PDB file of N, CA and C in Angstrom:
ATOM      1  N   MET A   1     -15.864  -3.048  11.470  1.00  0.00           N
ATOM      2  CA  MET A   1     -13.984  -2.590  10.634  1.00  0.00           C
ATOM      3  C   MET A   1     -14.718  -3.265   9.136  1.00  0.00           C
ATOM      4  N   SER A   2     -14.324  -2.281   8.164  1.00  0.00           N
ATOM      5  CA  SER A   2     -14.573  -2.861   6.714  1.00  0.00           C
ATOM      6  C   SER A   2     -13.248  -3.297   6.293  1.00  0.00           C
ATOM      7  N   ILE A   3     -13.318  -4.081   5.099  1.00  0.00           N
ATOM      8  CA  ILE A   3     -12.553  -4.780   4.399  1.00  0.00           C
ATOM      9  C   ILE A   3     -12.222  -4.222   3.154  1.00  0.00           C
ATOM     10  N   ILE A   4     -11.307  -3.834   2.545  1.00  0.00           N
ATOM     11  CA  ILE A   4     -11.220  -3.785   1.008  1.00  0.00           C
ATOM     12  C   ILE A   4     -10.300  -4.174   0.297  1.00  0.00           C
ATOM     13  N   THR A   5     -10.881  -4.977  -0.865  1.00  0.00           N
ATOM     14  CA  THR A   5     -10.125  -5.967  -1.802  1.00  0.00           C
ATOM     15  C   THR A   5      -9.553  -5.428  -2.932  1.00  0.00           C
ATOM     16  N   PHE A   6      -8.212  -5.379  -3.149  1.00  0.00           N
ATOM     17  CA  PHE A   6      -7.884  -4.993  -4.493  1.00  0.00           C
ATOM     18  C   PHE A   6      -7.767  -6.133  -5.272  1.00  0.00           C
ATOM     19  N   LYS A   7      -8.145  -6.162  -6.606  1.00  0.00           N
ATOM     20  CA  LYS A   7      -8.464  -7.212  -7.562  1.00  0.00           C
ATOM     21  C   LYS A   7      -7.552  -7.036  -8.685  1.00  0.00           C
ATOM     22  N   SER A   8      -7.060  -7.493  -9.299  1.00  0.00           N
ATOM     23  CA  SER A   8      -6.435  -7.628 -10.843  1.00  0.00           C
ATOM     24  C   SER A   8      -6.290  -8.950 -11.296  1.00  0.00           C
ATOM     25  N   ARG A   9      -6.464  -9.269 -12.844  1.00  0.00           N
ATOM     26  CA  ARG A   9      -6.264 -10.443 -13.451  1.00  0.00           C
ATOM     27  C   ARG A   9      -4.788 -10.666 -13.476  1.00  0.00           C
ATOM     28  N   ALA A  10      -3.759 -10.039 -13.161  1.00  0.00           N
ATOM     29  CA  ALA A  10      -2.352 -10.153 -13.720  1.00  0.00           C
ATOM     30  C   ALA A  10      -2.097 -10.729 -12.085  1.00  0.00           C
ATOM     31  N   ALA A  11      -2.465 -10.806 -11.089  1.00  0.00           N
ATOM     32  CA  ALA A  11      -2.074 -11.069  -9.811  1.00  0.00           C
ATOM     33  C   ALA A  11      -3.125 -11.604  -8.404  1.00  0.00           C
ATOM     34  N   GLY A  12      -2.868 -12.216  -7.690  1.00  0.00           N
ATOM     35  CA  GLY A  12      -3.655 -12.542  -6.449  1.00  0.00           C
ATOM     36  C   GLY A  12      -4.420 -11.104  -5.865  1.00  0.00           C
ATOM     37  N   ASP A  13      -5.109 -11.366  -5.023  1.00  0.00           N
ATOM     38  CA  ASP A  13      -5.862 -10.283  -4.426  1.00  0.00           C
ATOM     39  C   ASP A  13      -4.998  -9.575  -3.422  1.00  0.00           C
ATOM     40  N   VAL A  14      -5.286  -8.569  -3.189  1.00  0.00           N
ATOM     41  CA  VAL A  14      -4.731  -7.693  -1.469  1.00  0.00           C
ATOM     42  C   VAL A  14      -5.692  -7.341  -0.965  1.00  0.00           C
ATOM     43  N   ILE A  15      -5.668  -7.870   0.196  1.00  0.00           N
ATOM     44  CA  ILE A  15      -6.784  -7.675   1.258  1.00  0.00           C
ATOM     45  C   ILE A  15      -6.029  -6.727   2.299  1.00  0.00           C
ATOM     46  N   MET A  16      -7.079  -5.571   2.606  1.00  0.00           N
ATOM     47  CA  MET A  16      -6.588  -4.439   3.327  1.00  0.00           C
ATOM     48  C   MET A  16      -7.411  -4.449   4.425  1.00  0.00           C
ATOM     49  N   PHE A  17      -7.633  -3.742   5.605  1.00  0.00           N
ATOM     50  CA  PHE A  17      -8.246  -3.011   6.558  1.00  0.00           C
ATOM     51  C   PHE A  17      -8.953  -1.650   5.997  1.00  0.00           C
ATOM     52  N   GLY A  18     -10.292  -1.701   5.809  1.00  0.00           N
ATOM     53  CA  GLY A  18     -10.552  -0.315   5.190  1.00  0.00           C
ATOM     54  C   GLY A  18      -9.753   0.869   5.607  1.00  0.00           C
ATOM     55  N   LYS A  19      -9.239   1.224   6.855  1.00  0.00           N
ATOM     56  CA  LYS A  19      -8.707   2.220   7.245  1.00  0.00           C
ATOM     57  C   LYS A  19      -7.330   2.652   6.578  1.00  0.00           C
ATOM     58  N   VAL A  20      -6.683   1.605   6.603  1.00  0.00           N
ATOM     59  CA  VAL A  20      -5.333   1.493   5.630  1.00  0.00           C
ATOM     60  C   VAL A  20      -5.280   1.718   4.393  1.00  0.00           C
ATOM     61  N   ALA A  21      -6.513   0.847   3.795  1.00  0.00           N
ATOM     62  CA  ALA A  21      -7.049   1.177   2.079  1.00  0.00           C
ATOM     63  C   ALA A  21      -7.342   2.336   1.972  1.00  0.00           C
ATOM     64  N   LYS A  22      -7.911   3.154   2.763  1.00  0.00           N
ATOM     65  CA  LYS A  22      -8.578   4.392   2.249  1.00  0.00           C
ATOM     66  C   LYS A  22      -7.473   5.625   2.403  1.00  0.00           C
ATOM     67  N   VAL A  23      -6.400   5.235   3.133  1.00  0.00           N
ATOM     68  CA  VAL A  23      -5.208   5.951   3.234  1.00  0.00           C
ATOM     69  C   VAL A  23      -4.528   6.054   1.911  1.00  0.00           C
ATOM     70  N   LEU A  24      -4.415   4.732   1.447  1.00  0.00           N
ATOM     71  CA  LEU A  24      -3.520   4.526   0.183  1.00  0.00           C
ATOM     72  C   LEU A  24      -4.536   4.912  -1.109  1.00  0.00           C
ATOM     73  N   LEU A  25      -5.677   4.799  -1.033  1.00  0.00           N
ATOM     74  CA  LEU A  25      -6.723   5.165  -2.371  1.00  0.00           C
ATOM     75  C   LEU A  25      -6.531   6.952  -2.198  1.00  0.00           C
ATOM     76  N   ALA A  26      -6.247   7.292  -0.952  1.00  0.00           N
ATOM     77  CA  ALA A  26      -6.026   8.837  -1.143  1.00  0.00           C
ATOM     78  C   ALA A  26      -4.697   9.239  -1.913  1.00  0.00           C
ATOM     79  N   VAL A  27      -3.725   8.718  -1.545  1.00  0.00           N
ATOM     80  CA  VAL A  27      -2.519   8.765  -1.758  1.00  0.00           C
ATOM     81  C   VAL A  27      -2.321   8.629  -3.653  1.00  0.00           C
ATOM     82  N   ILE A  28      -3.218   7.631  -4.050  1.00  0.00           N
ATOM     83  CA  ILE A  28      -3.125   7.662  -5.367  1.00  0.00           C
ATOM     84  C   ILE A  28      -4.058   8.467  -6.277  1.00  0.00           C
ATOM     85  N   GLY A  29      -4.767   9.438  -5.419  1.00  0.00           N
ATOM     86  CA  GLY A  29      -5.557  10.187  -5.900  1.00  0.00           C
ATOM     87  C   GLY A  29      -7.163   9.840  -6.195  1.00  0.00           C
ATOM     88  N   LYS A  30      -7.460   8.745  -5.587  1.00  0.00           N
ATOM     89  CA  LYS A  30      -8.777   8.315  -5.654  1.00  0.00           C
ATOM     90  C   LYS A  30      -9.544   8.518  -4.491  1.00  0.00           C
ATOM     91  N   ASP A  31     -10.935   8.578  -4.607  1.00  0.00           N
ATOM     92  CA  ASP A  31     -11.874   9.044  -3.475  1.00  0.00           C
ATOM     93  C   ASP A  31     -11.953   7.884  -2.263  1.00  0.00           C
ATOM     94  N   PRO A  32     -11.158   7.944  -1.133  1.00  0.00           N
ATOM     95  CA  PRO A  32     -11.489   6.936  -0.061  1.00  0.00           C
ATOM     96  C   PRO A  32     -12.626   6.357   0.284  1.00  0.00           C
ATOM     97  N   GLU A  33     -13.776   7.449   0.156  1.00  0.00           N
ATOM     98  CA  GLU A  33     -15.013   6.861   0.623  1.00  0.00           C
ATOM     99  C   GLU A  33     -16.033   6.130  -0.718  1.00  0.00           C
ATOM    100  N   ASP A  34     -15.357   6.183  -1.915  1.00  0.00           N
ATOM    101  CA  ASP A  34     -15.673   5.148  -2.968  1.00  0.00           C
ATOM    102  C   ASP A  34     -15.853   3.709  -2.352  1.00  0.00           C
ATOM    103  N   THR A  35     -17.046   3.061  -2.335  1.00  0.00           N
ATOM    104  CA  THR A  35     -17.046   1.631  -1.991  1.00  0.00           C
ATOM    105  C   THR A  35     -16.143   0.687  -3.086  1.00  0.00           C
ATOM    106  N   ARG A  36     -16.351   1.100  -4.579  1.00  0.00           N
ATOM    107  CA  ARG A  36     -15.749   0.360  -5.441  1.00  0.00           C
ATOM    108  C   ARG A  36     -15.075   1.320  -6.543  1.00  0.00           C
ATOM    109  N   GLY A  37     -14.034   0.926  -7.240  1.00  0.00           N
ATOM    110  CA  GLY A  37     -13.192   1.710  -7.969  1.00  0.00           C
ATOM    111  C   GLY A  37     -12.644   1.039  -8.915  1.00  0.00           C
ATOM    112  N   ILE A  38     -11.817   2.158  -9.689  1.00  0.00           N
ATOM    113  CA  ILE A  38     -10.769   1.121 -10.820  1.00  0.00           C
ATOM    114  C   ILE A  38      -9.732   1.990 -10.861  1.00  0.00           C
ATOM    115  N   VAL A  39      -8.255   1.462 -10.932  1.00  0.00           N
ATOM    116  CA  VAL A  39      -7.116   2.352 -11.502  1.00  0.00           C
ATOM    117  C   VAL A  39      -7.119   1.613 -12.853  1.00  0.00           C
ATOM    118  N   THR A  40      -7.165   2.263 -13.766  1.00  0.00           N
ATOM    119  CA  THR A  40      -7.056   1.982 -15.298  1.00  0.00           C
ATOM    120  C   THR A  40      -5.599   1.702 -15.454  1.00  0.00           C
ATOM    121  N   VAL A  41      -5.254   1.163 -16.638  1.00  0.00           N
ATOM    122  CA  VAL A  41      -3.762   0.723 -17.104  1.00  0.00           C
ATOM    123  C   VAL A  41      -3.070   1.950 -17.186  1.00  0.00           C
ATOM    124  N   VAL A  42      -3.886   2.996 -17.812  1.00  0.00           N
ATOM    125  CA  VAL A  42      -3.248   4.485 -18.094  1.00  0.00           C
ATOM    126  C   VAL A  42      -2.694   5.072 -16.867  1.00  0.00           C
ATOM    127  N   GLN A  43      -3.618   4.875 -15.791  1.00  0.00           N
ATOM    128  CA  GLN A  43      -3.318   5.384 -14.324  1.00  0.00           C
ATOM    129  C   GLN A  43      -2.604   4.657 -13.339  1.00  0.00           C
ATOM    130  N   LEU A  44      -2.026   3.735 -13.748  1.00  0.00           N
ATOM    131  CA  LEU A  44      -1.482   2.902 -13.065  1.00  0.00           C
ATOM    132  C   LEU A  44       0.097   3.544 -12.651  1.00  0.00           C
ATOM    133  N   PRO A  45       0.671   3.777 -13.928  1.00  0.00           N
ATOM    134  CA  PRO A  45       2.263   4.409 -13.686  1.00  0.00           C
ATOM    135  C   PRO A  45       2.175   5.693 -12.651  1.00  0.00           C
ATOM    136  N   GLY A  46       0.944   6.524 -12.698  1.00  0.00           N
ATOM    137  CA  GLY A  46       0.841   7.739 -11.470  1.00  0.00           C
ATOM    138  C   GLY A  46       0.640   7.237 -10.350  1.00  0.00           C
ATOM    139  N   ALA A  47      -0.281   5.836 -10.165  1.00  0.00           N
ATOM    140  CA  ALA A  47      -0.612   5.359  -8.922  1.00  0.00           C
ATOM    141  C   ALA A  47       0.827   4.807  -8.014  1.00  0.00           C
ATOM    142  N   ILE A  48       1.467   4.280  -9.229  1.00  0.00           N
ATOM    143  CA  ILE A  48       2.358   3.574  -8.464  1.00  0.00           C
ATOM    144  C   ILE A  48       3.705   4.403  -8.036  1.00  0.00           C
ATOM    145  N   ALA A  49       4.214   5.331  -8.662  1.00  0.00           N
ATOM    146  CA  ALA A  49       4.900   6.659  -8.291  1.00  0.00           C
ATOM    147  C   ALA A  49       4.309   7.451  -7.195  1.00  0.00           C
ATOM    148  N   ALA A  50       2.938   7.657  -6.987  1.00  0.00           N
ATOM    149  CA  ALA A  50       2.469   8.200  -5.799  1.00  0.00           C
ATOM    150  C   ALA A  50       2.579   7.548  -4.739  1.00  0.00           C
ATOM    151  N   LEU A  51       2.371   6.015  -4.637  1.00  0.00           N
ATOM    152  CA  LEU A  51       2.621   5.151  -3.552  1.00  0.00           C
ATOM    153  C   LEU A  51       4.053   5.071  -3.312  1.00  0.00           C
ATOM    154  N   ARG A  52       5.035   5.004  -4.322  1.00  0.00           N
ATOM    155  CA  ARG A  52       6.497   5.141  -3.952  1.00  0.00           C
ATOM    156  C   ARG A  52       6.949   6.238  -3.193  1.00  0.00           C
ATOM    157  N   ASP A  53       6.305   7.386  -3.446  1.00  0.00           N
ATOM    158  CA  ASP A  53       6.837   8.678  -3.086  1.00  0.00           C
ATOM    159  C   ASP A  53       6.184   8.901  -1.768  1.00  0.00           C
ATOM    160  N   ALA A  54       4.974   8.153  -1.211  1.00  0.00           N
ATOM    161  CA  ALA A  54       4.586   7.972   0.145  1.00  0.00           C
ATOM    162  C   ALA A  54       5.307   6.924   0.804  1.00  0.00           C
ATOM    163  N   VAL A  55       5.732   6.040   0.093  1.00  0.00           N
ATOM    164  CA  VAL A  55       6.571   5.122   0.767  1.00  0.00           C
ATOM    165  C   VAL A  55       8.183   5.754   1.290  1.00  0.00           C
ATOM    166  N   ALA A  56       8.596   6.513   0.428  1.00  0.00           N
ATOM    167  CA  ALA A  56       9.851   7.248   0.746  1.00  0.00           C
ATOM    168  C   ALA A  56       9.864   8.376   1.797  1.00  0.00           C
ATOM    169  N   ALA A  57       8.684   8.881   1.725  1.00  0.00           N
ATOM    170  CA  ALA A  57       8.471   9.878   2.566  1.00  0.00           C
ATOM    171  C   ALA A  57       8.359   9.311   4.123  1.00  0.00           C
ATOM    172  N   ASP A  58       7.434   8.259   4.257  1.00  0.00           N
ATOM    173  CA  ASP A  58       7.186   7.367   5.380  1.00  0.00           C
ATOM    174  C   ASP A  58       8.534   7.016   5.936  1.00  0.00           C
ATOM    175  N   LYS A  59       9.342   6.274   4.966  1.00  0.00           N
ATOM    176  CA  LYS A  59      10.460   6.000   5.582  1.00  0.00           C
ATOM    177  C   LYS A  59      11.349   6.862   6.140  1.00  0.00           C
ATOM    178  N   ALA A  60      11.572   8.234   5.456  1.00  0.00           N
ATOM    179  CA  ALA A  60      12.358   9.230   6.193  1.00  0.00           C
ATOM    180  C   ALA A  60      12.054   9.567   7.301  1.00  0.00           C
ATOM    181  N   ARG A  61      10.729   9.443   7.774  1.00  0.00           N
ATOM    182  CA  ARG A  61       9.960   9.821   8.992  1.00  0.00           C
ATOM    183  C   ARG A  61      10.243   8.892   9.973  1.00  0.00           C
ATOM    184  N   ALA A  62      10.257   7.860   9.631  1.00  0.00           N
ATOM    185  CA  ALA A  62      10.366   6.876  10.668  1.00  0.00           C
ATOM    186  C   ALA A  62      11.949   6.527  11.365  1.00  0.00           C
ATOM    187  N   PRO A  63      11.848   6.677  12.606  1.00  0.00           N
ATOM    188  CA  PRO A  63      13.163   6.527  13.270  1.00  0.00           C
ATOM    189  C   PRO A  63      14.049   5.447  13.119  1.00  0.00           C
ATOM    190  N   ALA A  64      15.247   5.639  13.017  1.00  0.00           N
ATOM    191  CA  ALA A  64      16.078   4.258  12.738  1.00  0.00           C
ATOM    192  C   ALA A  64      16.186   3.439  13.779  1.00  0.00           C
ATOM    193  N   VAL A  65      15.936   2.484  13.565  1.00  0.00           N
ATOM    194  CA  VAL A  65      15.945   1.421  15.052  1.00  0.00           C
ATOM    195  C   VAL A  65      17.193   0.413  14.572  1.00  0.00           C
ATOM    196  N   SER A  66      18.066   0.294  15.352  1.00  0.00           N
ATOM    197  CA  SER A  66      19.252  -0.630  15.220  1.00  0.00           C
ATOM    198  C   SER A  66      18.581  -2.140  15.541  1.00  0.00           C
ATOM    199  N   GLU A  67      19.222  -3.045  14.867  1.00  0.00           N
ATOM    200  CA  GLU A  67      18.889  -4.528  15.544  1.00  0.00           C
ATOM    201  C   GLU A  67      19.721  -4.758  16.828  1.00  0.00           C
ATOM    202  N   ASP A  68      21.015  -4.128  16.650  1.00  0.00           N
ATOM    203  CA  ASP A  68      22.043  -4.201  17.537  1.00  0.00           C
ATOM    204  C   ASP A  68      21.656  -3.232  19.034  1.00  0.00           C
ATOM    205  N   SER A  69      20.497  -2.751  18.892  1.00  0.00           N
ATOM    206  CA  SER A  69      20.067  -1.947  20.185  1.00  0.00           C
ATOM    207  C   SER A  69      20.060  -2.621  21.464  1.00  0.00           C
ATOM    208  N   ASP A  70      20.352  -1.866  22.385  1.00  0.00           N
ATOM    209  CA  ASP A  70      20.431  -2.540  23.910  1.00  0.00           C
ATOM    210  C   ASP A  70      19.189  -2.315  24.414  1.00  0.00           C
ATOM    211  N   ASP A  71      18.337  -1.438  24.090  1.00  0.00           N
ATOM    212  CA  ASP A  71      16.966  -1.236  24.605  1.00  0.00           C
ATOM    213  C   ASP A  71      16.234  -2.376  24.235  1.00  0.00           C
ATOM    214  N   GLU A  72      16.115  -2.932  25.567  1.00  0.00           N
ATOM    215  CA  GLU A  72      15.139  -4.373  25.806  1.00  0.00           C
ATOM    216  C   GLU A  72      13.512  -3.927  25.431  1.00  0.00           C
ATOM    217  N   ASP A  73      13.146  -2.531  25.530  1.00  0.00           N
ATOM    218  CA  ASP A  73      11.873  -2.160  25.313  1.00  0.00           C
ATOM    219  C   ASP A  73      11.580  -1.922  23.597  1.00  0.00           C
ATOM    220  N   ALA A  74      12.581  -1.729  23.018  1.00  0.00           N
ATOM    221  CA  ALA A  74      12.435  -1.407  21.569  1.00  0.00           C
ATOM    222  C   ALA A  74      11.699  -2.522  20.692  1.00  0.00           C
ATOM    223  N   PRO A  75      10.527  -1.928  20.088  1.00  0.00           N
ATOM    224  CA  PRO A  75       9.766  -2.919  19.190  1.00  0.00           C
ATOM    225  C   PRO A  75      10.466  -3.819  18.055  1.00  0.00           C
ATOM    226  N   ARG A  76      10.267  -4.859  17.710  1.00  0.00           N
ATOM    227  CA  ARG A  76      11.048  -5.839  17.094  1.00  0.00           C
ATOM    228  C   ARG A  76      10.157  -6.605  16.171  1.00  0.00           C
ATOM    229  N   GLY A  77      10.112  -7.148  14.923  1.00  0.00           N
ATOM    230  CA  GLY A  77       9.554  -7.728  14.365  1.00  0.00           C
ATOM    231  C   GLY A  77       8.358  -7.580  14.360  1.00  0.00           C
ATOM    232  N   MET A  78       7.353  -8.707  14.641  1.00  0.00           N
ATOM    233  CA  MET A  78       5.848  -8.224  14.818  1.00  0.00           C
ATOM    234  C   MET A  78       5.353  -7.750  16.028  1.00  0.00           C
ATOM    235  N   GLU A  79       6.285  -7.363  16.923  1.00  0.00           N
ATOM    236  CA  GLU A  79       5.670  -6.646  18.142  1.00  0.00           C
ATOM    237  C   GLU A  79       5.633  -5.264  17.897  1.00  0.00           C
ATOM    238  N   GLY A  80       6.341  -4.528  16.846  1.00  0.00           N
ATOM    239  CA  GLY A  80       6.289  -3.197  16.546  1.00  0.00           C
ATOM    240  C   GLY A  80       5.304  -2.820  15.402  1.00  0.00           C
ATOM    241  N   PRO A  81       4.787  -1.526  15.602  1.00  0.00           N
ATOM    242  CA  PRO A  81       4.120  -0.971  14.608  1.00  0.00           C
ATOM    243  C   PRO A  81       4.082  -1.108  12.991  1.00  0.00           C
ATOM    244  N   VAL A  82       3.094  -1.614  12.421  1.00  0.00           N
ATOM    245  CA  VAL A  82       3.379  -1.774  10.650  1.00  0.00           C
ATOM    246  C   VAL A  82       3.336  -0.500  10.507  1.00  0.00           C
ATOM    247  N   ALA A  83       4.554  -0.098   9.396  1.00  0.00           N
ATOM    248  CA  ALA A  83       4.646   1.286   8.819  1.00  0.00           C
ATOM    249  C   ALA A  83       3.614   1.383   7.423  1.00  0.00           C
ATOM    250  N   LEU A  84       3.475   2.620   7.493  1.00  0.00           N
ATOM    251  CA  LEU A  84       2.654   2.740   5.983  1.00  0.00           C
ATOM    252  C   LEU A  84       3.354   2.270   4.895  1.00  0.00           C
ATOM    253  N   TRP A  85       4.609   2.348   4.911  1.00  0.00           N
ATOM    254  CA  TRP A  85       5.492   1.843   3.646  1.00  0.00           C
ATOM    255  C   TRP A  85       5.418   0.151   3.491  1.00  0.00           C
ATOM    256  N   GLN A  86       5.150  -0.619   4.693  1.00  0.00           N
ATOM    257  CA  GLN A  86       5.186  -2.040   4.900  1.00  0.00           C
ATOM    258  C   GLN A  86       3.960  -2.615   4.418  1.00  0.00           C
ATOM    259  N   ARG A  87       2.662  -1.646   4.699  1.00  0.00           N
ATOM    260  CA  ARG A  87       1.308  -1.932   4.169  1.00  0.00           C
ATOM    261  C   ARG A  87       1.144  -1.543   2.587  1.00  0.00           C
ATOM    262  N   ALA A  88       1.727  -0.655   2.041  1.00  0.00           N
ATOM    263  CA  ALA A  88       1.931  -0.409   0.654  1.00  0.00           C
ATOM    264  C   ALA A  88       2.787  -1.284  -0.300  1.00  0.00           C
ATOM    265  N   ALA A  89       3.304  -2.083   0.164  1.00  0.00           N
ATOM    266  CA  ALA A  89       4.010  -2.885  -0.583  1.00  0.00           C
ATOM    267  C   ALA A  89       3.552  -3.824  -1.301  1.00  0.00           C
ATOM    268  N   PRO A  90       2.543  -4.726  -0.905  1.00  0.00           N
ATOM    269  CA  PRO A  90       1.718  -5.594  -1.651  1.00  0.00           C
ATOM    270  C   PRO A  90       0.815  -5.016  -2.652  1.00  0.00           C
ATOM    271  N   LEU A  91       0.255  -3.678  -2.584  1.00  0.00           N
ATOM    272  CA  LEU A  91      -0.713  -2.981  -3.457  1.00  0.00           C
ATOM    273  C   LEU A  91       0.407  -2.587  -4.570  1.00  0.00           C
ATOM    274  N   ILE A  92       1.558  -1.989  -4.254  1.00  0.00           N
ATOM    275  CA  ILE A  92       2.476  -1.485  -5.078  1.00  0.00           C
ATOM    276  C   ILE A  92       2.782  -2.885  -6.097  1.00  0.00           C
ATOM    277  N   GLU A  93       3.003  -3.837  -5.644  1.00  0.00           N
ATOM    278  CA  GLU A  93       3.468  -4.968  -6.382  1.00  0.00           C
ATOM    279  C   GLU A  93       2.294  -5.450  -7.097  1.00  0.00           C
ATOM    280  N   LEU A  94       1.150  -5.527  -6.748  1.00  0.00           N
ATOM    281  CA  LEU A  94      -0.082  -5.968  -7.371  1.00  0.00           C
ATOM    282  C   LEU A  94      -0.022  -4.766  -8.830  1.00  0.00           C
ATOM    283  N   MET A  95       0.054  -3.483  -8.269  1.00  0.00           N
ATOM    284  CA  MET A  95      -0.083  -2.527  -9.471  1.00  0.00           C
ATOM    285  C   MET A  95       1.166  -2.944 -10.434  1.00  0.00           C
ATOM    286  N   GLN A  96       2.389  -3.289 -10.036  1.00  0.00           N
ATOM    287  CA  GLN A  96       3.296  -3.456 -10.973  1.00  0.00           C
ATOM    288  C   GLN A  96       2.868  -4.683 -11.728  1.00  0.00           C
ATOM    289  N   TYR A  97       2.736  -5.798 -11.559  1.00  0.00           N
ATOM    290  CA  TYR A  97       2.291  -6.705 -12.338  1.00  0.00           C
ATOM    291  C   TYR A  97       0.957  -6.443 -13.238  1.00  0.00           C
ATOM    292  N   SER A  98       0.039  -5.644 -12.648  1.00  0.00           N
ATOM    293  CA  SER A  98      -1.089  -5.403 -13.523  1.00  0.00           C
ATOM    294  C   SER A  98      -0.666  -4.500 -14.816  1.00  0.00           C
ATOM    295  N   LEU A  99       0.422  -3.415 -14.379  1.00  0.00           N
ATOM    296  CA  LEU A  99       0.898  -2.562 -15.251  1.00  0.00           C
ATOM    297  C   LEU A  99       1.579  -3.485 -16.410  1.00  0.00           C
ATOM    298  N   ALA A 100       2.317  -4.571 -15.768  1.00  0.00           N
ATOM    299  CA  ALA A 100       2.987  -5.127 -16.818  1.00  0.00           C
ATOM    300  C   ALA A 100       2.182  -5.966 -17.827  1.00  0.00           C
ATOM    301  N   GLU A 101       1.099  -6.411 -17.416  1.00  0.00           N
ATOM    302  CA  GLU A 101      -0.066  -7.404 -18.138  1.00  0.00           C
ATOM    303  C   GLU A 101      -1.019  -6.591 -18.479  1.00  0.00           C
ATOM    304  N   GLU A 102      -0.871  -5.360 -18.447  1.00  0.00           N
ATOM    305  CA  GLU A 102      -1.749  -4.280 -19.068  1.00  0.00           C
ATOM    306  C   GLU A 102      -3.253  -4.504 -18.576  1.00  0.00           C
ATOM    307  N   GLN A 103      -3.515  -4.866 -17.234  1.00  0.00           N
ATOM    308  CA  GLN A 103      -4.672  -4.899 -16.547  1.00  0.00           C
ATOM    309  C   GLN A 103      -5.053  -4.010 -15.717  1.00  0.00           C
ATOM    310  N   PRO A 104      -6.255  -3.556 -15.681  1.00  0.00           N
ATOM    311  CA  PRO A 104      -6.618  -2.517 -14.605  1.00  0.00           C
ATOM    312  C   PRO A 104      -6.562  -3.041 -13.175  1.00  0.00           C
ATOM    313  N   VAL A 105      -6.534  -2.533 -12.050  1.00  0.00           N
ATOM    314  CA  VAL A 105      -6.952  -2.701 -10.626  1.00  0.00           C
ATOM    315  C   VAL A 105      -8.139  -2.315 -10.419  1.00  0.00           C
ATOM    316  N   ILE A 106      -9.261  -3.234  -9.671  1.00  0.00           N
ATOM    317  CA  ILE A 106     -10.279  -2.675  -9.227  1.00  0.00           C
ATOM    318  C   ILE A 106     -10.305  -3.141  -7.472  1.00  0.00           C
ATOM    319  N   TRP A 107     -10.970  -2.169  -7.125  1.00  0.00           N
ATOM    320  CA  TRP A 107     -11.242  -2.221  -5.709  1.00  0.00           C
ATOM    321  C   TRP A 107     -12.842  -2.405  -5.011  1.00  0.00           C
ATOM    322  N   GLU A 108     -12.838  -3.337  -4.036  1.00  0.00           N
ATOM    323  CA  GLU A 108     -14.503  -3.335  -3.334  1.00  0.00           C
ATOM    324  C   GLU A 108     -14.419  -3.708  -2.185  1.00  0.00           C
TER     325      GLU A 108
END
């Protein structure tokens, strides 16, 4: 199992399992098989927009789960699967800080 770390001088590192990181790299138009790469400051607005679009699509596909549900077997909290939109949130935040500070994001 591989680990990919996203880095920027604007914020702390975001560390992800390779499988998830590769999905997010593909979403922003980067080659998921590249072991290292960069999202330039110029590319950051497009990357953030692409991730936000993927998050919106993921939320639209997810079934609505009510906290008041009587279903004892329904996953809640840490017991349920982690959705793409939840996994993308730290990367979006890193990219937003990077854009504000005009710093690129690299991964390795």
